[in-house]
Amino acid sequence: MSTEDQLGRTTAAHSPAPSEQAPVDQPDGDLIAAARIALDQPGDYLVFKEAEELRIVALIGDWTRIGRSTAADVRFDDPTVSRRHALIIREGDQLKLVDDSSLNGIFVAGERIDRYTLSDGDSFLVGRYRMNFISVTTTVAAEGAAPPDSLPV
């Protein structure tokens, strides 16, 4: 499904361009592969680098807040991230990525979005942070190991 087919595509004139450090539409393949190897529990996870370290966050609640606020479940102390930047909301068997009225927005495949249905392997930008979504099935989890520094949310 293309980004244009997703809910709430935004093309606001004030939207900043995504970081030029790496292509937005390409997930961090090595990072995702390392996370898949490390995980032994089925479930949904956010995978990203912070201070050059692999971070894996289990998405186990009905919603997960991403932002700069101390109340955020996934917190980034960075001015490119709004206090209440994004939400990941569980709706049935789907996870929705929702912009929480952030200043810099959320980018998926180079497009600023308001709402997006996440699929295994999706990559998106929150401020200057590239986040990757993975969904681990029971079969895949049986082949992995315990996650390093996993942060249950």
N, C-alpha and C. Protein backbone atom coordinates (compact mmCIF):
# COMPACT_ATOMS: atom_id res chain seq x y z
N MET A 1 0.85 -1.18 0.00
CA MET A 1 0.00 0.00 0.00
C MET A 1 0.89 1.23 0.00
N SER A 2 0.63 2.16 -0.88
CA SER A 2 1.46 3.36 -0.97
C SER A 2 1.11 4.33 0.14
N THR A 3 2.02 5.26 0.37
CA THR A 3 1.80 6.27 1.39
C THR A 3 0.55 7.08 1.06
N GLU A 4 0.32 7.34 -0.23
CA GLU A 4 -0.84 8.13 -0.63
C GLU A 4 -2.15 7.42 -0.30
N ASP A 5 -2.10 6.08 -0.23
CA ASP A 5 -3.29 5.32 0.12
C ASP A 5 -3.56 5.34 1.62
N GLN A 6 -2.57 5.74 2.42
CA GLN A 6 -2.72 5.77 3.87
C GLN A 6 -3.61 6.94 4.28
N LEU A 7 -4.08 6.90 5.51
CA LEU A 7 -4.94 7.96 6.02
C LEU A 7 -4.16 9.22 6.32
N GLY A 8 -4.74 10.38 6.05
CA GLY A 8 -4.23 11.65 6.54
C GLY A 8 -2.92 12.13 5.97
N ARG A 9 -2.66 11.98 4.70
CA ARG A 9 -1.43 12.50 4.11
C ARG A 9 -1.44 14.02 4.17
N THR A 10 -0.35 14.64 4.60
CA THR A 10 -0.25 16.08 4.73
C THR A 10 0.88 16.59 3.87
N THR A 11 0.65 17.71 3.21
CA THR A 11 1.72 18.35 2.44
C THR A 11 1.81 19.81 2.82
N ALA A 12 1.86 20.07 4.10
CA ALA A 12 1.91 21.44 4.59
C ALA A 12 3.15 22.16 4.06
N ALA A 13 2.97 23.42 3.66
CA ALA A 13 4.07 24.20 3.09
C ALA A 13 5.19 24.45 4.09
N HIS A 14 4.88 24.46 5.37
CA HIS A 14 5.89 24.73 6.38
C HIS A 14 6.64 23.47 6.83
N SER A 15 6.31 22.33 6.26
CA SER A 15 6.96 21.08 6.67
C SER A 15 8.43 21.09 6.28
N PRO A 16 9.31 20.80 7.24
CA PRO A 16 10.72 20.74 6.92
C PRO A 16 11.03 19.49 6.10
N ALA A 17 12.06 19.55 5.28
CA ALA A 17 12.48 18.39 4.51
C ALA A 17 13.10 17.37 5.45
N PRO A 18 12.92 16.09 5.17
CA PRO A 18 13.55 15.07 6.00
C PRO A 18 15.06 15.16 5.94
N SER A 19 15.71 14.57 6.92
CA SER A 19 17.16 14.57 7.00
C SER A 19 17.78 13.98 5.75
N GLU A 20 18.87 14.56 5.30
CA GLU A 20 19.56 14.08 4.11
C GLU A 20 20.58 13.00 4.44
N GLN A 21 20.70 12.60 5.70
CA GLN A 21 21.72 11.64 6.09
C GLN A 21 21.48 10.27 5.48
N ALA A 22 20.26 9.84 5.34
CA ALA A 22 19.95 8.54 4.75
C ALA A 22 18.58 8.63 4.11
N PRO A 23 18.34 7.85 3.05
CA PRO A 23 17.03 7.91 2.40
C PRO A 23 15.91 7.55 3.36
N VAL A 24 14.86 8.36 3.37
CA VAL A 24 13.76 8.18 4.30
C VAL A 24 12.97 6.92 3.97
N ASP A 25 12.87 6.59 2.70
CA ASP A 25 12.02 5.47 2.30
C ASP A 25 12.71 4.12 2.44
N GLN A 26 13.94 4.09 2.91
CA GLN A 26 14.64 2.83 3.08
C GLN A 26 14.93 2.59 4.56
N PRO A 27 14.38 1.50 5.11
CA PRO A 27 14.65 1.21 6.51
C PRO A 27 16.10 0.83 6.73
N ASP A 28 16.52 0.85 7.97
CA ASP A 28 17.87 0.46 8.34
C ASP A 28 17.96 -1.05 8.34
N GLY A 29 18.28 -1.64 7.18
CA GLY A 29 18.29 -3.09 7.01
C GLY A 29 19.13 -3.84 8.02
N ASP A 30 20.37 -3.39 8.25
CA ASP A 30 21.25 -4.07 9.20
C ASP A 30 20.71 -3.96 10.62
N LEU A 31 20.17 -2.80 10.95
CA LEU A 31 19.61 -2.58 12.28
C LEU A 31 18.40 -3.49 12.52
N ILE A 32 17.53 -3.56 11.53
CA ILE A 32 16.34 -4.40 11.63
C ILE A 32 16.74 -5.88 11.72
N ALA A 33 17.71 -6.29 10.91
CA ALA A 33 18.17 -7.68 10.95
C ALA A 33 18.75 -8.02 12.32
N ALA A 34 19.53 -7.13 12.90
CA ALA A 34 20.11 -7.36 14.23
C ALA A 34 19.01 -7.48 15.27
N ALA A 35 17.99 -6.64 15.16
CA ALA A 35 16.88 -6.69 16.12
C ALA A 35 16.11 -7.99 15.98
N ARG A 36 15.85 -8.42 14.75
CA ARG A 36 15.11 -9.67 14.55
C ARG A 36 15.86 -10.86 15.15
N ILE A 37 17.17 -10.86 15.01
CA ILE A 37 17.99 -11.94 15.57
C ILE A 37 17.93 -11.91 17.10
N ALA A 38 17.89 -10.71 17.67
CA ALA A 38 17.93 -10.56 19.12
C ALA A 38 16.61 -10.90 19.81
N LEU A 39 15.51 -10.84 19.08
CA LEU A 39 14.19 -11.00 19.70
C LEU A 39 13.75 -12.45 19.76
N ASP A 40 13.27 -12.86 20.95
CA ASP A 40 12.74 -14.22 21.08
C ASP A 40 11.26 -14.24 21.46
N GLN A 41 10.67 -13.07 21.63
CA GLN A 41 9.25 -12.98 21.98
C GLN A 41 8.46 -12.41 20.80
N PRO A 42 7.36 -13.05 20.42
CA PRO A 42 6.54 -12.47 19.36
C PRO A 42 5.93 -11.15 19.83
N GLY A 43 5.73 -10.25 18.91
CA GLY A 43 5.12 -8.97 19.25
C GLY A 43 5.53 -7.88 18.29
N ASP A 44 5.14 -6.66 18.63
CA ASP A 44 5.42 -5.48 17.82
C ASP A 44 6.47 -4.64 18.53
N TYR A 45 7.44 -4.13 17.75
CA TYR A 45 8.57 -3.43 18.32
C TYR A 45 8.95 -2.21 17.49
N LEU A 46 9.49 -1.19 18.17
CA LEU A 46 10.18 -0.09 17.52
C LEU A 46 11.67 -0.36 17.67
N VAL A 47 12.41 -0.16 16.60
CA VAL A 47 13.85 -0.37 16.59
C VAL A 47 14.49 0.90 16.06
N PHE A 48 15.51 1.40 16.77
CA PHE A 48 16.19 2.62 16.34
C PHE A 48 17.54 2.70 17.00
N LYS A 49 18.35 3.62 16.52
CA LYS A 49 19.64 3.89 17.13
C LYS A 49 19.53 5.16 17.95
N GLU A 50 20.12 5.13 19.13
CA GLU A 50 20.24 6.32 19.96
C GLU A 50 21.64 6.30 20.53
N ALA A 51 22.39 7.36 20.26
CA ALA A 51 23.80 7.43 20.67
C ALA A 51 24.56 6.21 20.16
N GLU A 52 24.28 5.84 18.91
CA GLU A 52 24.93 4.72 18.23
C GLU A 52 24.68 3.36 18.87
N GLU A 53 23.66 3.27 19.72
CA GLU A 53 23.30 2.00 20.33
C GLU A 53 21.95 1.54 19.80
N LEU A 54 21.83 0.23 19.60
CA LEU A 54 20.58 -0.38 19.18
C LEU A 54 19.57 -0.29 20.33
N ARG A 55 18.40 0.25 20.04
CA ARG A 55 17.32 0.33 21.04
C ARG A 55 16.13 -0.44 20.48
N ILE A 56 15.55 -1.27 21.32
CA ILE A 56 14.36 -2.03 20.95
C ILE A 56 13.30 -1.74 22.00
N VAL A 57 12.14 -1.28 21.54
CA VAL A 57 11.04 -0.94 22.45
C VAL A 57 9.84 -1.81 22.09
N ALA A 58 9.39 -2.60 23.05
CA ALA A 58 8.21 -3.45 22.85
C ALA A 58 6.95 -2.58 22.92
N LEU A 59 6.07 -2.74 21.95
CA LEU A 59 4.81 -2.00 21.90
C LEU A 59 3.72 -2.92 22.46
N ILE A 60 3.52 -2.88 23.77
CA ILE A 60 2.62 -3.84 24.39
C ILE A 60 1.31 -3.23 24.90
N GLY A 61 1.22 -1.93 24.97
CA GLY A 61 0.00 -1.29 25.45
C GLY A 61 -0.93 -0.93 24.31
N ASP A 62 -2.04 -0.28 24.66
CA ASP A 62 -2.99 0.19 23.66
C ASP A 62 -2.47 1.40 22.90
N TRP A 63 -1.54 2.14 23.53
CA TRP A 63 -0.93 3.29 22.87
C TRP A 63 0.45 3.53 23.43
N THR A 64 1.30 4.14 22.61
CA THR A 64 2.66 4.50 22.99
C THR A 64 2.91 5.93 22.54
N ARG A 65 3.34 6.79 23.47
CA ARG A 65 3.63 8.18 23.15
C ARG A 65 5.11 8.35 22.87
N ILE A 66 5.43 9.05 21.77
CA ILE A 66 6.81 9.37 21.41
C ILE A 66 6.96 10.88 21.49
N GLY A 67 7.99 11.36 22.19
CA GLY A 67 8.18 12.79 22.29
C GLY A 67 9.34 13.18 23.19
N ARG A 68 9.42 14.47 23.43
CA ARG A 68 10.47 15.05 24.27
C ARG A 68 10.04 15.15 25.73
N SER A 69 8.76 15.06 25.99
CA SER A 69 8.22 15.18 27.34
C SER A 69 8.71 14.04 28.23
N THR A 70 8.84 14.34 29.51
CA THR A 70 9.23 13.29 30.45
C THR A 70 8.11 12.26 30.61
N ALA A 71 6.90 12.59 30.17
CA ALA A 71 5.78 11.66 30.22
C ALA A 71 5.74 10.72 29.01
N ALA A 72 6.60 10.93 28.03
CA ALA A 72 6.61 10.09 26.82
C ALA A 72 7.13 8.69 27.15
N ASP A 73 6.56 7.70 26.50
CA ASP A 73 7.02 6.32 26.66
C ASP A 73 8.37 6.12 25.97
N VAL A 74 8.52 6.72 24.79
CA VAL A 74 9.79 6.73 24.06
C VAL A 74 10.22 8.18 24.03
N ARG A 75 11.25 8.51 24.82
CA ARG A 75 11.64 9.91 25.01
C ARG A 75 12.96 10.23 24.33
N PHE A 76 12.95 11.35 23.60
CA PHE A 76 14.15 11.88 22.96
C PHE A 76 14.38 13.29 23.49
N ASP A 77 15.51 13.53 24.10
CA ASP A 77 15.86 14.86 24.59
C ASP A 77 16.55 15.61 23.46
N ASP A 78 15.75 16.07 22.51
CA ASP A 78 16.27 16.67 21.28
C ASP A 78 15.28 17.73 20.80
N PRO A 79 15.76 18.92 20.42
CA PRO A 79 14.85 19.99 20.00
C PRO A 79 14.10 19.71 18.69
N THR A 80 14.53 18.72 17.89
CA THR A 80 13.79 18.40 16.66
C THR A 80 12.56 17.55 16.94
N VAL A 81 12.41 17.11 18.19
CA VAL A 81 11.27 16.29 18.60
C VAL A 81 10.37 17.13 19.49
N SER A 82 9.09 17.20 19.15
CA SER A 82 8.12 17.93 19.98
C SER A 82 7.87 17.20 21.28
N ARG A 83 7.38 17.94 22.27
CA ARG A 83 7.07 17.29 23.55
C ARG A 83 6.09 16.14 23.36
N ARG A 84 5.08 16.38 22.58
CA ARG A 84 4.09 15.35 22.23
C ARG A 84 4.15 15.20 20.72
N HIS A 85 5.07 14.40 20.23
CA HIS A 85 5.34 14.32 18.80
C HIS A 85 4.43 13.33 18.08
N ALA A 86 4.36 12.10 18.59
CA ALA A 86 3.62 11.05 17.89
C ALA A 86 3.00 10.07 18.87
N LEU A 87 1.99 9.38 18.37
CA LEU A 87 1.35 8.30 19.11
C LEU A 87 1.32 7.07 18.21
N ILE A 88 1.49 5.91 18.82
CA ILE A 88 1.22 4.66 18.13
C ILE A 88 0.04 4.05 18.87
N ILE A 89 -1.06 3.88 18.14
CA ILE A 89 -2.32 3.45 18.73
C ILE A 89 -2.69 2.07 18.18
N ARG A 90 -3.01 1.16 19.08
CA ARG A 90 -3.46 -0.17 18.66
C ARG A 90 -4.95 -0.10 18.40
N GLU A 91 -5.35 -0.46 17.18
CA GLU A 91 -6.76 -0.52 16.80
C GLU A 91 -7.02 -1.91 16.25
N GLY A 92 -7.55 -2.77 17.10
CA GLY A 92 -7.75 -4.17 16.71
C GLY A 92 -6.41 -4.84 16.53
N ASP A 93 -6.18 -5.40 15.34
CA ASP A 93 -4.90 -6.05 15.07
C ASP A 93 -3.94 -5.15 14.30
N GLN A 94 -4.27 -3.88 14.18
CA GLN A 94 -3.41 -2.92 13.47
C GLN A 94 -2.82 -1.90 14.43
N LEU A 95 -1.67 -1.34 14.04
CA LEU A 95 -1.07 -0.23 14.77
C LEU A 95 -1.07 0.98 13.86
N LYS A 96 -1.55 2.10 14.40
CA LYS A 96 -1.62 3.36 13.65
C LYS A 96 -0.59 4.32 14.21
N LEU A 97 0.19 4.92 13.34
CA LEU A 97 1.14 5.97 13.69
C LEU A 97 0.41 7.29 13.47
N VAL A 98 0.33 8.13 14.50
CA VAL A 98 -0.45 9.36 14.44
C VAL A 98 0.42 10.53 14.87
N ASP A 99 0.42 11.60 14.06
CA ASP A 99 1.11 12.83 14.44
C ASP A 99 0.31 13.49 15.54
N ASP A 100 0.96 13.82 16.65
CA ASP A 100 0.30 14.41 17.81
C ASP A 100 0.46 15.93 17.78
N SER A 101 0.15 16.54 16.62
CA SER A 101 0.27 17.99 16.40
C SER A 101 1.70 18.48 16.58
N SER A 102 2.66 17.71 16.10
CA SER A 102 4.07 18.09 16.23
C SER A 102 4.41 19.22 15.27
N LEU A 103 5.47 19.95 15.60
CA LEU A 103 5.92 21.04 14.74
C LEU A 103 6.63 20.51 13.49
N ASN A 104 7.54 19.55 13.66
CA ASN A 104 8.33 19.05 12.54
C ASN A 104 7.71 17.88 11.81
N GLY A 105 6.66 17.30 12.33
CA GLY A 105 5.94 16.25 11.63
C GLY A 105 6.58 14.88 11.71
N ILE A 106 5.90 13.95 11.06
CA ILE A 106 6.37 12.57 10.92
C ILE A 106 6.44 12.30 9.43
N PHE A 107 7.53 11.67 8.99
CA PHE A 107 7.71 11.38 7.57
C PHE A 107 7.79 9.88 7.35
N VAL A 108 6.99 9.40 6.40
CA VAL A 108 7.02 8.02 5.95
C VAL A 108 7.25 8.06 4.44
N ALA A 109 8.29 7.39 3.99
CA ALA A 109 8.62 7.35 2.56
C ALA A 109 8.72 8.76 1.96
N GLY A 110 9.28 9.68 2.71
CA GLY A 110 9.50 11.03 2.23
C GLY A 110 8.29 11.95 2.27
N GLU A 111 7.16 11.45 2.73
CA GLU A 111 5.93 12.23 2.80
C GLU A 111 5.55 12.49 4.25
N ARG A 112 5.16 13.73 4.53
CA ARG A 112 4.66 14.04 5.86
C ARG A 112 3.28 13.44 6.01
N ILE A 113 3.03 12.77 7.13
CA ILE A 113 1.74 12.11 7.35
C ILE A 113 1.10 12.62 8.63
N ASP A 114 -0.22 12.47 8.70
CA ASP A 114 -0.96 12.72 9.93
C ASP A 114 -1.32 11.40 10.60
N ARG A 115 -1.60 10.39 9.77
CA ARG A 115 -2.02 9.08 10.26
C ARG A 115 -1.56 8.04 9.24
N TYR A 116 -1.03 6.92 9.76
CA TYR A 116 -0.47 5.90 8.87
C TYR A 116 -0.60 4.54 9.54
N THR A 117 -1.02 3.54 8.79
CA THR A 117 -1.11 2.18 9.31
C THR A 117 0.24 1.51 9.14
N LEU A 118 0.84 1.09 10.25
CA LEU A 118 2.17 0.49 10.23
C LEU A 118 2.13 -0.95 9.74
N SER A 119 3.15 -1.31 8.96
CA SER A 119 3.36 -2.68 8.49
C SER A 119 4.78 -3.08 8.85
N ASP A 120 4.99 -4.39 9.00
CA ASP A 120 6.31 -4.90 9.33
C ASP A 120 7.36 -4.35 8.38
N GLY A 121 8.43 -3.78 8.95
CA GLY A 121 9.53 -3.24 8.15
C GLY A 121 9.41 -1.76 7.82
N ASP A 122 8.31 -1.12 8.19
CA ASP A 122 8.16 0.31 7.90
C ASP A 122 9.20 1.13 8.65
N SER A 123 9.61 2.23 8.01
CA SER A 123 10.57 3.16 8.58
C SER A 123 9.94 4.55 8.56
N PHE A 124 10.15 5.33 9.62
CA PHE A 124 9.60 6.69 9.66
C PHE A 124 10.52 7.58 10.47
N LEU A 125 10.41 8.88 10.22
CA LEU A 125 11.22 9.87 10.93
C LEU A 125 10.39 10.61 11.96
N VAL A 126 10.94 10.72 13.16
CA VAL A 126 10.41 11.55 14.23
C VAL A 126 11.55 12.50 14.58
N GLY A 127 11.42 13.77 14.19
CA GLY A 127 12.55 14.69 14.34
C GLY A 127 13.70 14.18 13.51
N ARG A 128 14.87 14.04 14.12
CA ARG A 128 16.03 13.52 13.38
C ARG A 128 16.24 12.02 13.59
N TYR A 129 15.30 11.36 14.26
CA TYR A 129 15.43 9.95 14.58
C TYR A 129 14.66 9.08 13.59
N ARG A 130 15.37 8.12 12.99
CA ARG A 130 14.73 7.15 12.11
C ARG A 130 14.29 5.98 12.98
N MET A 131 12.99 5.71 12.95
CA MET A 131 12.41 4.62 13.73
C MET A 131 11.96 3.55 12.75
N ASN A 132 12.12 2.31 13.15
CA ASN A 132 11.72 1.18 12.33
C ASN A 132 10.72 0.34 13.10
N PHE A 133 9.66 -0.08 12.42
CA PHE A 133 8.64 -0.91 13.05
C PHE A 133 8.83 -2.34 12.58
N ILE A 134 8.89 -3.28 13.53
CA ILE A 134 8.92 -4.69 13.15
C ILE A 134 7.88 -5.45 13.96
N SER A 135 7.32 -6.43 13.31
CA SER A 135 6.35 -7.31 13.94
C SER A 135 6.93 -8.72 13.88
N VAL A 136 7.17 -9.30 15.04
CA VAL A 136 7.81 -10.61 15.13
C VAL A 136 6.74 -11.67 15.35
N THR A 137 6.73 -12.67 14.48
CA THR A 137 5.77 -13.76 14.60
C THR A 137 6.32 -14.84 15.52
N THR A 138 5.49 -15.76 15.92
CA THR A 138 5.91 -16.86 16.80
C THR A 138 7.04 -17.67 16.17
N THR A 139 6.97 -17.94 14.86
CA THR A 139 8.00 -18.72 14.17
C THR A 139 9.34 -18.01 14.20
N VAL A 140 9.35 -16.73 13.90
CA VAL A 140 10.59 -15.96 13.88
C VAL A 140 11.16 -15.86 15.29
N ALA A 141 10.33 -15.64 16.28
CA ALA A 141 10.78 -15.48 17.66
C ALA A 141 11.46 -16.74 18.17
N ALA A 142 11.00 -17.90 17.74
CA ALA A 142 11.58 -19.16 18.20
C ALA A 142 13.06 -19.29 17.78
N GLU A 143 13.45 -18.57 16.74
CA GLU A 143 14.82 -18.64 16.24
C GLU A 143 15.74 -17.60 16.86
N GLY A 144 15.21 -16.63 17.62
CA GLY A 144 15.99 -15.52 18.14
C GLY A 144 16.50 -15.74 19.55
N ALA A 145 16.99 -14.65 20.15
CA ALA A 145 17.50 -14.66 21.52
C ALA A 145 16.86 -13.51 22.26
N ALA A 146 17.22 -13.30 23.52
CA ALA A 146 16.65 -12.22 24.33
C ALA A 146 17.07 -10.87 23.78
N PRO A 147 16.16 -9.88 23.77
CA PRO A 147 16.49 -8.56 23.25
C PRO A 147 17.46 -7.81 24.16
N PRO A 148 18.44 -7.11 23.56
CA PRO A 148 19.37 -6.32 24.37
C PRO A 148 18.69 -5.04 24.84
N ASP A 149 18.72 -4.78 26.13
CA ASP A 149 18.19 -3.54 26.69
C ASP A 149 16.79 -3.22 26.21
N SER A 150 15.93 -4.20 26.11
CA SER A 150 14.57 -3.96 25.66
C SER A 150 13.84 -3.08 26.67
N LEU A 151 13.06 -2.17 26.17
CA LEU A 151 12.30 -1.26 27.03
C LEU A 151 10.82 -1.52 26.84
N PRO A 152 10.19 -2.30 27.72
CA PRO A 152 8.75 -2.53 27.56
C PRO A 152 7.99 -1.23 27.75
N VAL A 153 7.03 -0.97 26.88
CA VAL A 153 6.23 0.25 26.96
C VAL A 153 4.79 -0.14 27.13
